[in-house]
Amino acid sequence: MKNEQIKNIAYWTTTILGPASFVIGGVLNLSQTEQVVATMHHLGYPVYFASLLGIWKLLGAIAIVVPGLPRLKEWAYAGFFFDLTAAAVSRAAVGDGAGDIVAPLVFLALVLASWALRPASRTLAASAGTRASTAQTEVDLIASSVRV
């Protein structure tokens, strides 16, 4: 198996286990089950915050999985970073055990791995290269029309 194939498999594995798993968290937050409500109260957050998190998690997971939209993907990865670090800090602040504090950090490791392994086509650099070549083509067209 080639390195590129291994990297692609690792990317999709970490993306499914990390960012794409936010679909589950998003649906749970939006459902506002007794467990979600109890957790929000335990952490000191208003219950409506679960709805906001649920929507953001679903939109972020979609942004990362669909092709294109590299800038939106960067924002989604950043949002997951903020969400997971805040979750770990929130758990520590209320005195939860090590398992509850480390769990979001494990998902953070998967999110960071997904970000680091993403194909070039899913990065801002690739988008910038496309824009640069498009801009050059436009400059060339304008230059050729001026010479006529």
C-alpha atoms as a PDB file:
ATOM      1  CA  MET A   1       0.000   0.000   0.000  1.00  0.00           C
ATOM      2  CA  LYS A   2       1.314   3.443  -0.926  1.00  0.00           C
ATOM      3  CA  ASN A   3       1.919   6.187   1.619  1.00  0.00           C
ATOM      4  CA  GLU A   4      -0.805   8.313   0.028  1.00  0.00           C
ATOM      5  CA  GLN A   5      -3.343   5.490   0.439  1.00  0.00           C
ATOM      6  CA  ILE A   6      -2.332   4.981   4.064  1.00  0.00           C
ATOM      7  CA  LYS A   7      -2.647   8.716   4.720  1.00  0.00           C
ATOM      8  CA  ASN A   8      -6.078   8.766   3.071  1.00  0.00           C
ATOM      9  CA  ILE A   9      -7.288   5.817   5.179  1.00  0.00           C
ATOM     10  CA  ALA A  10      -5.900   7.458   8.328  1.00  0.00           C
ATOM     11  CA  TYR A  11      -7.601  10.750   7.393  1.00  0.00           C
ATOM     12  CA  TRP A  12     -11.016   9.169   6.909  1.00  0.00           C
ATOM     13  CA  THR A  13     -10.656   6.997  10.011  1.00  0.00           C
ATOM     14  CA  THR A  14      -9.793   9.970  12.233  1.00  0.00           C
ATOM     15  CA  THR A  15     -12.447  12.106  10.530  1.00  0.00           C
ATOM     16  CA  ILE A  16     -15.190   9.530  11.122  1.00  0.00           C
ATOM     17  CA  LEU A  17     -14.133   8.938  14.732  1.00  0.00           C
ATOM     18  CA  GLY A  18     -13.471  12.622  15.481  1.00  0.00           C
ATOM     19  CA  PRO A  19     -15.245  15.402  13.566  1.00  0.00           C
ATOM     20  CA  ALA A  20     -17.983  13.220  12.059  1.00  0.00           C
ATOM     21  CA  SER A  21     -18.822  11.869  15.527  1.00  0.00           C
ATOM     22  CA  PHE A  22     -20.054  15.362  16.297  1.00  0.00           C
ATOM     23  CA  VAL A  23     -23.218  14.339  14.440  1.00  0.00           C
ATOM     24  CA  ILE A  24     -24.065  12.080  17.382  1.00  0.00           C
ATOM     25  CA  GLY A  25     -23.276  14.811  19.912  1.00  0.00           C
ATOM     26  CA  GLY A  26     -25.253  17.336  17.901  1.00  0.00           C
ATOM     27  CA  VAL A  27     -28.334  15.140  17.723  1.00  0.00           C
ATOM     28  CA  LEU A  28     -28.089  14.360  21.452  1.00  0.00           C
ATOM     29  CA  ASN A  29     -27.787  18.060  22.311  1.00  0.00           C
ATOM     30  CA  LEU A  30     -30.772  18.943  20.135  1.00  0.00           C
ATOM     31  CA  SER A  31     -32.871  16.147  21.637  1.00  0.00           C
ATOM     32  CA  GLN A  32     -32.370  17.618  25.120  1.00  0.00           C
ATOM     33  CA  THR A  33     -32.916  14.311  26.870  1.00  0.00           C
ATOM     34  CA  GLU A  34     -32.871  14.127  30.655  1.00  0.00           C
ATOM     35  CA  GLN A  35     -29.183  13.242  30.547  1.00  0.00           C
ATOM     36  CA  VAL A  36     -28.343  16.289  28.392  1.00  0.00           C
ATOM     37  CA  VAL A  37     -30.348  18.597  30.664  1.00  0.00           C
ATOM     38  CA  ALA A  38     -28.701  17.111  33.763  1.00  0.00           C
ATOM     39  CA  THR A  39     -25.238  17.546  32.228  1.00  0.00           C
ATOM     40  CA  MET A  40     -25.936  21.170  31.305  1.00  0.00           C
ATOM     41  CA  HIS A  41     -27.067  21.888  34.867  1.00  0.00           C
ATOM     42  CA  HIS A  42     -24.105  20.000  36.320  1.00  0.00           C
ATOM     43  CA  LEU A  43     -21.679  22.074  34.243  1.00  0.00           C
ATOM     44  CA  GLY A  44     -23.491  25.323  35.064  1.00  0.00           C
ATOM     45  CA  TYR A  45     -24.764  26.057  31.549  1.00  0.00           C
ATOM     46  CA  PRO A  46     -28.325  27.023  30.597  1.00  0.00           C
ATOM     47  CA  VAL A  47     -30.235  24.272  28.796  1.00  0.00           C
ATOM     48  CA  TYR A  48     -30.645  26.358  25.637  1.00  0.00           C
ATOM     49  CA  PHE A  49     -26.851  26.190  25.241  1.00  0.00           C
ATOM     50  CA  ALA A  50     -27.273  22.508  24.302  1.00  0.00           C
ATOM     51  CA  SER A  51     -29.356  23.578  21.295  1.00  0.00           C
ATOM     52  CA  LEU A  52     -26.685  26.023  20.136  1.00  0.00           C
ATOM     53  CA  LEU A  53     -23.974  23.392  20.549  1.00  0.00           C
ATOM     54  CA  GLY A  54     -26.109  20.835  18.740  1.00  0.00           C
ATOM     55  CA  ILE A  55     -26.616  23.037  15.696  1.00  0.00           C
ATOM     56  CA  TRP A  56     -22.958  24.066  15.573  1.00  0.00           C
ATOM     57  CA  LYS A  57     -21.783  20.462  15.913  1.00  0.00           C
ATOM     58  CA  LEU A  58     -24.007  19.259  13.078  1.00  0.00           C
ATOM     59  CA  LEU A  59     -23.031  22.124  10.782  1.00  0.00           C
ATOM     60  CA  GLY A  60     -19.349  21.650  11.596  1.00  0.00           C
ATOM     61  CA  ALA A  61     -19.458  17.917  10.880  1.00  0.00           C
ATOM     62  CA  ILE A  62     -21.188  18.561   7.559  1.00  0.00           C
ATOM     63  CA  ALA A  63     -18.658  21.250   6.619  1.00  0.00           C
ATOM     64  CA  ILE A  64     -15.732  18.931   7.267  1.00  0.00           C
ATOM     65  CA  VAL A  65     -17.122  15.929   5.404  1.00  0.00           C
ATOM     66  CA  VAL A  66     -18.490  17.578   2.236  1.00  0.00           C
ATOM     67  CA  PRO A  67     -16.056  18.390  -0.568  1.00  0.00           C
ATOM     68  CA  GLY A  68     -14.898  21.958  -1.146  1.00  0.00           C
ATOM     69  CA  LEU A  69     -15.387  24.890   1.227  1.00  0.00           C
ATOM     70  CA  PRO A  70     -11.829  24.884   2.629  1.00  0.00           C
ATOM     71  CA  ARG A  71     -12.251  28.093   4.659  1.00  0.00           C
ATOM     72  CA  LEU A  72     -15.429  26.762   6.255  1.00  0.00           C
ATOM     73  CA  LYS A  73     -13.578  23.540   7.083  1.00  0.00           C
ATOM     74  CA  GLU A  74     -10.904  25.558   8.900  1.00  0.00           C
ATOM     75  CA  TRP A  75     -13.603  27.306  10.939  1.00  0.00           C
ATOM     76  CA  ALA A  76     -15.251  23.967  11.726  1.00  0.00           C
ATOM     77  CA  TYR A  77     -11.962  22.470  12.926  1.00  0.00           C
ATOM     78  CA  ALA A  78     -11.354  25.583  15.038  1.00  0.00           C
ATOM     79  CA  GLY A  79     -14.853  25.324  16.483  1.00  0.00           C
ATOM     80  CA  PHE A  80     -14.293  21.683  17.415  1.00  0.00           C
ATOM     81  CA  PHE A  81     -11.011  22.661  19.070  1.00  0.00           C
ATOM     82  CA  PHE A  82     -12.797  25.324  21.141  1.00  0.00           C
ATOM     83  CA  ASP A  83     -15.690  22.985  21.973  1.00  0.00           C
ATOM     84  CA  LEU A  84     -13.480  20.123  23.134  1.00  0.00           C
ATOM     85  CA  THR A  85     -11.011  22.199  25.127  1.00  0.00           C
ATOM     86  CA  ALA A  86     -13.924  24.028  26.777  1.00  0.00           C
ATOM     87  CA  ALA A  87     -15.541  20.678  27.581  1.00  0.00           C
ATOM     88  CA  ALA A  88     -12.379  19.440  29.308  1.00  0.00           C
ATOM     89  CA  VAL A  89     -11.971  22.696  31.248  1.00  0.00           C
ATOM     90  CA  SER A  90     -15.659  22.707  32.204  1.00  0.00           C
ATOM     91  CA  ARG A  91     -15.407  19.153  33.530  1.00  0.00           C
ATOM     92  CA  ALA A  92     -12.289  20.042  35.522  1.00  0.00           C
ATOM     93  CA  ALA A  93     -13.888  23.226  36.886  1.00  0.00           C
ATOM     94  CA  VAL A  94     -16.804  21.335  38.422  1.00  0.00           C
ATOM     95  CA  GLY A  95     -14.524  18.683  39.912  1.00  0.00           C
ATOM     96  CA  ASP A  96     -15.336  15.768  37.616  1.00  0.00           C
ATOM     97  CA  GLY A  97     -13.015  12.778  37.503  1.00  0.00           C
ATOM     98  CA  ALA A  98     -10.051  12.312  35.198  1.00  0.00           C
ATOM     99  CA  GLY A  99     -12.050  10.153  32.777  1.00  0.00           C
ATOM    100  CA  ASP A 100     -14.593  12.923  32.175  1.00  0.00           C
ATOM    101  CA  ILE A 101     -11.799  15.448  31.672  1.00  0.00           C
ATOM    102  CA  VAL A 102      -9.686  13.272  29.367  1.00  0.00           C
ATOM    103  CA  ALA A 103     -12.574  12.044  27.161  1.00  0.00           C
ATOM    104  CA  PRO A 104     -12.973  15.315  25.229  1.00  0.00           C
ATOM    105  CA  LEU A 105      -9.188  15.511  24.880  1.00  0.00           C
ATOM    106  CA  VAL A 106      -9.166  12.086  23.203  1.00  0.00           C
ATOM    107  CA  PHE A 107     -11.685  13.385  20.676  1.00  0.00           C
ATOM    108  CA  LEU A 108      -9.548  16.498  20.323  1.00  0.00           C
ATOM    109  CA  ALA A 109      -6.601  14.286  19.364  1.00  0.00           C
ATOM    110  CA  LEU A 110      -8.763  12.686  16.648  1.00  0.00           C
ATOM    111  CA  VAL A 111      -9.892  16.108  15.394  1.00  0.00           C
ATOM    112  CA  LEU A 112      -6.296  17.349  15.282  1.00  0.00           C
ATOM    113  CA  ALA A 113      -5.199  14.189  13.467  1.00  0.00           C
ATOM    114  CA  SER A 114      -8.019  14.640  10.947  1.00  0.00           C
ATOM    115  CA  TRP A 115      -6.936  18.240  10.379  1.00  0.00           C
ATOM    116  CA  ALA A 116      -3.257  17.288   9.997  1.00  0.00           C
ATOM    117  CA  LEU A 117      -3.988  14.373   7.623  1.00  0.00           C
ATOM    118  CA  ARG A 118      -6.531  16.123   5.398  1.00  0.00           C
ATOM    119  CA  PRO A 119      -5.812  15.946   1.666  1.00  0.00           C
ATOM    120  CA  ALA A 120      -4.350  19.019  -0.004  1.00  0.00           C
ATOM    121  CA  SER A 121      -7.657  19.531  -1.825  1.00  0.00           C
ATOM    122  CA  ARG A 122      -9.311  20.213   1.549  1.00  0.00           C
ATOM    123  CA  THR A 123      -6.866  22.930   2.656  1.00  0.00           C
ATOM    124  CA  LEU A 124      -6.839  26.682   2.258  1.00  0.00           C
ATOM    125  CA  ALA A 125      -3.504  26.465   0.444  1.00  0.00           C
ATOM    126  CA  ALA A 126      -5.112  24.450  -2.352  1.00  0.00           C
ATOM    127  CA  SER A 127      -7.918  26.977  -2.542  1.00  0.00           C
ATOM    128  CA  ALA A 128      -5.413  29.838  -2.692  1.00  0.00           C
ATOM    129  CA  GLY A 129      -3.534  28.060  -5.488  1.00  0.00           C
ATOM    130  CA  THR A 130      -6.757  27.689  -7.466  1.00  0.00           C
ATOM    131  CA  ARG A 131      -7.596  31.349  -6.947  1.00  0.00           C
ATOM    132  CA  ALA A 132      -4.066  32.346  -7.957  1.00  0.00           C
ATOM    133  CA  SER A 133      -4.210  30.339 -11.194  1.00  0.00           C
ATOM    134  CA  THR A 134      -7.695  31.733 -11.935  1.00  0.00           C
ATOM    135  CA  ALA A 135      -6.431  35.274 -11.292  1.00  0.00           C
ATOM    136  CA  GLN A 136      -3.444  34.657 -13.603  1.00  0.00           C
ATOM    137  CA  THR A 137      -5.780  33.375 -16.314  1.00  0.00           C
ATOM    138  CA  GLU A 138      -7.870  36.528 -15.983  1.00  0.00           C
ATOM    139  CA  VAL A 139      -4.742  38.698 -16.175  1.00  0.00           C
ATOM    140  CA  ASP A 140      -3.632  36.790 -19.290  1.00  0.00           C
ATOM    141  CA  LEU A 141      -7.058  37.297 -20.920  1.00  0.00           C
ATOM    142  CA  ILE A 142      -7.029  41.009 -20.172  1.00  0.00           C
ATOM    143  CA  ALA A 143      -3.455  41.332 -21.451  1.00  0.00           C
ATOM    144  CA  SER A 144      -4.307  39.503 -24.690  1.00  0.00           C
ATOM    145  CA  SER A 145      -7.356  41.708 -25.284  1.00  0.00           C
ATOM    146  CA  VAL A 146      -5.293  44.857 -24.726  1.00  0.00           C
ATOM    147  CA  ARG A 147      -2.710  43.739 -27.302  1.00  0.00           C
ATOM    148  CA  VAL A 148      -5.373  43.377 -30.029  1.00  0.00           C
END
